[in-house]
Amino acid sequence: MMHIINGINPQLDNKSNILTDAILGCLNVIRDYYLISLKPEELTTQRILVHIKLLLQRIIMGTQVDFKEQILYNVFEDFPSAYNCALEIQNFIEKRLNAKINQQEIVYLTIHLNRLEMMSK
């Protein structure tokens, strides 16, 4: 799993320790929320890891995704468990990095978490 974490954007080299710590913290939030083990060799684990890494990079670089708001409500209503986990991750990241995450990023994270949730059942 560390090889995926280590592939951090070269523009963020000076923040690689912070990013690695935040990535591992987010994975712990997911483990605790779903009471699952995230196996590095599983594709679902690799996908959520890559998404979290890219999310954190976008937050630090100030390039968060942005799209129409209607999709926000559909995703939040359709995937309440994944949305609640996304909110826990949001809380962790905002405290750890002292940075805000927009609602569009939470939607994107919720979709990835829902996929992980479905694959874990």
Protein backbone atom coordinates (compact mmCIF):
# COMPACT_ATOMS: atom_id res chain seq x y z
CA MET A 1 0.00 0.00 0.00
CA MET A 2 2.90 2.34 0.70
CA HIS A 3 3.91 2.36 -2.98
CA ILE A 4 0.58 3.98 -3.82
CA ILE A 5 0.95 6.51 -1.03
CA ASN A 6 4.52 7.26 -2.11
CA GLY A 7 3.39 8.34 -5.58
CA ILE A 8 2.61 11.84 -4.34
CA ASN A 9 2.57 14.79 -6.73
CA PRO A 10 6.13 16.21 -6.97
CA GLN A 11 4.74 19.71 -6.36
CA LEU A 12 3.81 18.51 -2.87
CA ASP A 13 7.12 16.86 -1.91
CA ASN A 14 7.51 19.17 1.08
CA LYS A 15 4.11 17.98 2.38
CA SER A 16 4.56 14.25 1.76
CA ASN A 17 4.75 13.36 5.46
CA ILE A 18 1.58 15.33 6.20
CA LEU A 19 -0.21 13.69 3.26
CA THR A 20 0.91 10.19 4.21
CA ASP A 21 -0.25 10.72 7.79
CA ALA A 22 -3.60 12.09 6.59
CA ILE A 23 -4.11 9.21 4.14
CA LEU A 24 -3.46 6.62 6.84
CA GLY A 25 -5.76 8.52 9.21
CA CYS A 26 -8.56 8.50 6.62
CA LEU A 27 -8.13 4.75 6.13
CA ASN A 28 -8.42 4.31 9.90
CA VAL A 29 -11.68 6.29 9.88
CA ILE A 30 -13.01 3.95 7.18
CA ARG A 31 -11.90 0.82 9.08
CA ASP A 32 -13.51 2.06 12.28
CA TYR A 33 -16.73 3.20 10.59
CA TYR A 34 -17.35 0.01 8.60
CA LEU A 35 -15.58 -2.35 11.01
CA ILE A 36 -13.68 -3.90 8.13
CA SER A 37 -10.07 -4.63 7.37
CA LEU A 38 -8.73 -2.95 4.28
CA LYS A 39 -6.49 -5.43 2.51
CA PRO A 40 -3.81 -3.74 0.36
CA GLU A 41 -4.06 -6.41 -2.34
CA GLU A 42 -7.79 -5.82 -2.90
CA LEU A 43 -8.84 -3.58 -5.76
CA THR A 44 -11.50 -1.81 -3.66
CA THR A 45 -8.86 -0.84 -1.08
CA GLN A 46 -6.52 0.41 -3.79
CA ARG A 47 -9.31 2.47 -5.36
CA ILE A 48 -10.34 4.20 -2.14
CA LEU A 49 -6.68 4.78 -1.28
CA VAL A 50 -6.02 6.44 -4.64
CA HIS A 51 -9.17 8.55 -4.32
CA ILE A 52 -8.22 9.76 -0.84
CA LYS A 53 -4.68 10.56 -1.97
CA LEU A 54 -5.96 12.60 -4.91
CA LEU A 55 -8.60 14.28 -2.73
CA LEU A 56 -5.94 15.40 -0.26
CA GLN A 57 -3.69 16.63 -3.07
CA ARG A 58 -6.57 18.66 -4.55
CA ILE A 59 -7.34 20.17 -1.15
CA ILE A 60 -3.74 21.24 -0.57
CA MET A 61 -3.32 22.56 -4.11
CA GLY A 62 -6.66 24.40 -4.01
CA THR A 63 -8.10 22.54 -7.01
CA GLN A 64 -11.17 20.80 -5.58
CA VAL A 65 -13.80 19.49 -8.02
CA ASP A 66 -16.93 21.51 -8.71
CA PHE A 67 -20.20 20.45 -10.35
CA LYS A 68 -23.96 21.09 -10.23
CA GLU A 69 -25.56 20.99 -6.81
CA GLN A 70 -28.57 18.79 -7.65
CA ILE A 71 -26.40 15.69 -7.66
CA LEU A 72 -25.41 16.46 -4.06
CA TYR A 73 -28.84 15.73 -2.67
CA ASN A 74 -29.36 12.57 -4.72
CA VAL A 75 -26.10 11.02 -3.58
CA PHE A 76 -26.59 11.98 0.06
CA GLU A 77 -30.12 10.50 0.08
CA ASP A 78 -29.23 7.38 -1.89
CA PHE A 79 -26.11 6.46 0.10
CA PRO A 80 -26.69 7.62 3.71
CA SER A 81 -24.18 5.26 5.31
CA ALA A 82 -21.39 6.17 2.89
CA TYR A 83 -22.29 9.84 3.30
CA ASN A 84 -21.96 9.60 7.09
CA CYS A 85 -18.54 7.98 6.71
CA ALA A 86 -17.57 10.74 4.27
CA LEU A 87 -18.57 13.31 6.89
CA GLU A 88 -16.32 11.60 9.44
CA ILE A 89 -13.44 11.70 6.96
CA GLN A 90 -14.24 15.36 6.23
CA ASN A 91 -14.07 16.14 9.94
CA PHE A 92 -10.74 14.30 10.26
CA ILE A 93 -9.19 16.03 7.23
CA GLU A 94 -10.42 19.49 8.17
CA LYS A 95 -8.93 19.15 11.65
CA ARG A 96 -5.69 17.55 10.43
CA LEU A 97 -5.02 19.86 7.48
CA ASN A 98 -6.91 22.92 8.70
CA ALA A 99 -8.62 23.12 5.30
CA LYS A 100 -12.24 23.07 4.19
CA ILE A 101 -13.63 20.42 1.84
CA ASN A 102 -16.42 21.48 -0.51
CA GLN A 103 -19.65 19.52 -0.89
CA GLN A 104 -18.76 18.32 -4.37
CA GLU A 105 -15.69 16.56 -3.00
CA ILE A 106 -17.87 14.97 -0.30
CA VAL A 107 -20.20 13.65 -3.03
CA TYR A 108 -17.27 12.18 -4.92
CA LEU A 109 -15.91 10.59 -1.74
CA THR A 110 -19.39 9.27 -0.84
CA ILE A 111 -19.66 7.51 -4.21
CA HIS A 112 -16.29 5.81 -3.69
CA LEU A 113 -17.19 4.83 -0.13
CA ASN A 114 -20.51 3.40 -1.29
CA ARG A 115 -18.66 1.21 -3.76
CA LEU A 116 -16.34 0.02 -0.98
CA GLU A 117 -19.36 -0.61 1.25
CA MET A 118 -21.12 -2.70 -1.41
CA MET A 119 -17.99 -4.72 -2.18
CA SER A 120 -17.41 -5.41 1.53
CA LYS A 121 -20.80 -7.08 2.03
